[in-house]
Amino acid sequence: KDLQNNLDLIAYAEKFVDTRFPVLYGMSRKSFIGKTPGLENSDRLIPTVVSGILAALGGATVIRVHDVREAVESFQLLKAFRHAPV
């Protein structure tokens, strides 16, 4: 996969979810993050967390991560946003 393929896999996560099979995303600190314009010098933590959130919003079933605490905190915040009264 090249950079665009990786970005597309995250951007179009819902298309994979439509297959009704469990969908696992494992983009934790992957090299494509460092190839993304503007992120060449990133330590990849924040972009990894954002990628996981985007995949989850797209319906991914499992998100594989290296930085568990940061991932859990980000998903707790996502859950709070989703359940906030309107």
Protein backbone atom coordinates (compact mmCIF):
# COMPACT_ATOMS: atom_id res chain seq x y z
CA LYS A 1 0.00 0.00 0.00
CA ASP A 2 1.16 3.51 -0.68
CA LEU A 3 0.30 6.63 1.30
CA GLN A 4 -2.95 7.28 -0.54
CA ASN A 5 -4.07 3.66 -0.14
CA ASN A 6 -3.57 3.90 3.63
CA LEU A 7 -5.43 7.19 3.85
CA ASP A 8 -8.27 5.75 1.77
CA LEU A 9 -8.55 2.68 4.01
CA ILE A 10 -9.25 4.95 6.96
CA ALA A 11 -11.41 7.45 5.09
CA TYR A 12 -13.65 4.72 3.69
CA ALA A 13 -13.81 2.43 6.72
CA GLU A 14 -17.60 2.26 6.50
CA LYS A 15 -17.38 0.46 3.15
CA PHE A 16 -15.55 -2.42 4.83
CA VAL A 17 -18.02 -2.46 7.69
CA ASP A 18 -20.82 -2.93 5.18
CA THR A 19 -19.41 -6.41 4.48
CA ARG A 20 -20.74 -7.52 7.91
CA PHE A 21 -17.38 -9.09 8.76
CA PRO A 22 -15.42 -7.81 11.77
CA VAL A 23 -13.04 -5.04 10.71
CA LEU A 24 -9.66 -4.63 12.40
CA TYR A 25 -7.52 -1.54 11.89
CA GLY A 26 -3.86 -1.61 12.88
CA MET A 27 -2.34 1.73 11.95
CA SER A 28 -0.50 2.36 15.19
CA ARG A 29 2.64 4.40 14.45
CA LYS A 30 2.75 3.09 10.87
CA SER A 31 5.19 4.56 8.37
CA PHE A 32 2.42 6.09 6.25
CA ILE A 33 1.86 8.61 9.05
CA GLY A 34 5.42 9.89 8.69
CA LYS A 35 4.94 10.14 4.92
CA THR A 36 1.85 12.32 5.26
CA PRO A 37 2.66 15.92 4.29
CA GLY A 38 3.26 17.99 7.41
CA LEU A 39 3.82 14.95 9.63
CA GLU A 40 7.29 13.95 8.46
CA ASN A 41 8.81 14.76 11.87
CA SER A 42 5.89 13.53 13.97
CA ASP A 43 6.41 10.97 16.72
CA ARG A 44 3.17 9.52 15.26
CA LEU A 45 1.30 9.29 18.57
CA ILE A 46 -1.35 11.95 17.95
CA PRO A 47 -1.88 11.00 14.29
CA THR A 48 -2.24 7.36 15.40
CA VAL A 49 -4.90 8.29 17.95
CA VAL A 50 -6.77 10.39 15.39
CA SER A 51 -6.57 7.57 12.84
CA GLY A 52 -8.04 5.16 15.38
CA ILE A 53 -10.90 7.52 16.16
CA LEU A 54 -11.64 7.97 12.46
CA ALA A 55 -11.62 4.21 11.91
CA ALA A 56 -13.94 3.75 14.89
CA LEU A 57 -16.29 6.43 13.60
CA GLY A 58 -16.29 4.53 10.32
CA GLY A 59 -17.42 1.42 12.20
CA ALA A 60 -14.20 -0.53 12.71
CA THR A 61 -14.73 -3.36 15.17
CA VAL A 62 -11.20 -3.61 16.57
CA ILE A 63 -8.42 -1.03 16.71
CA ARG A 64 -4.92 -2.39 17.34
CA VAL A 65 -2.71 0.08 19.20
CA HIS A 66 0.69 0.35 20.85
CA ASP A 67 -0.17 3.26 23.14
CA VAL A 68 -3.00 1.76 25.14
CA ARG A 69 -3.53 4.54 27.70
CA GLU A 70 -3.77 7.24 25.04
CA ALA A 71 -6.09 5.14 22.93
CA VAL A 72 -8.38 4.31 25.84
CA GLU A 73 -8.59 7.96 26.87
CA SER A 74 -9.42 9.05 23.33
CA PHE A 75 -12.14 6.41 23.00
CA GLN A 76 -13.58 7.38 26.38
CA LEU A 77 -13.87 10.95 25.11
CA LEU A 78 -15.47 9.75 21.88
CA LYS A 79 -17.97 7.73 23.91
CA ALA A 80 -18.78 10.78 26.04
CA PHE A 81 -19.38 12.89 22.93
CA ARG A 82 -21.65 10.25 21.45
CA HIS A 83 -23.75 10.04 24.63
CA ALA A 84 -23.89 13.76 25.41
CA PRO A 85 -27.41 15.12 25.71
CA VAL A 86 -28.43 17.43 22.91
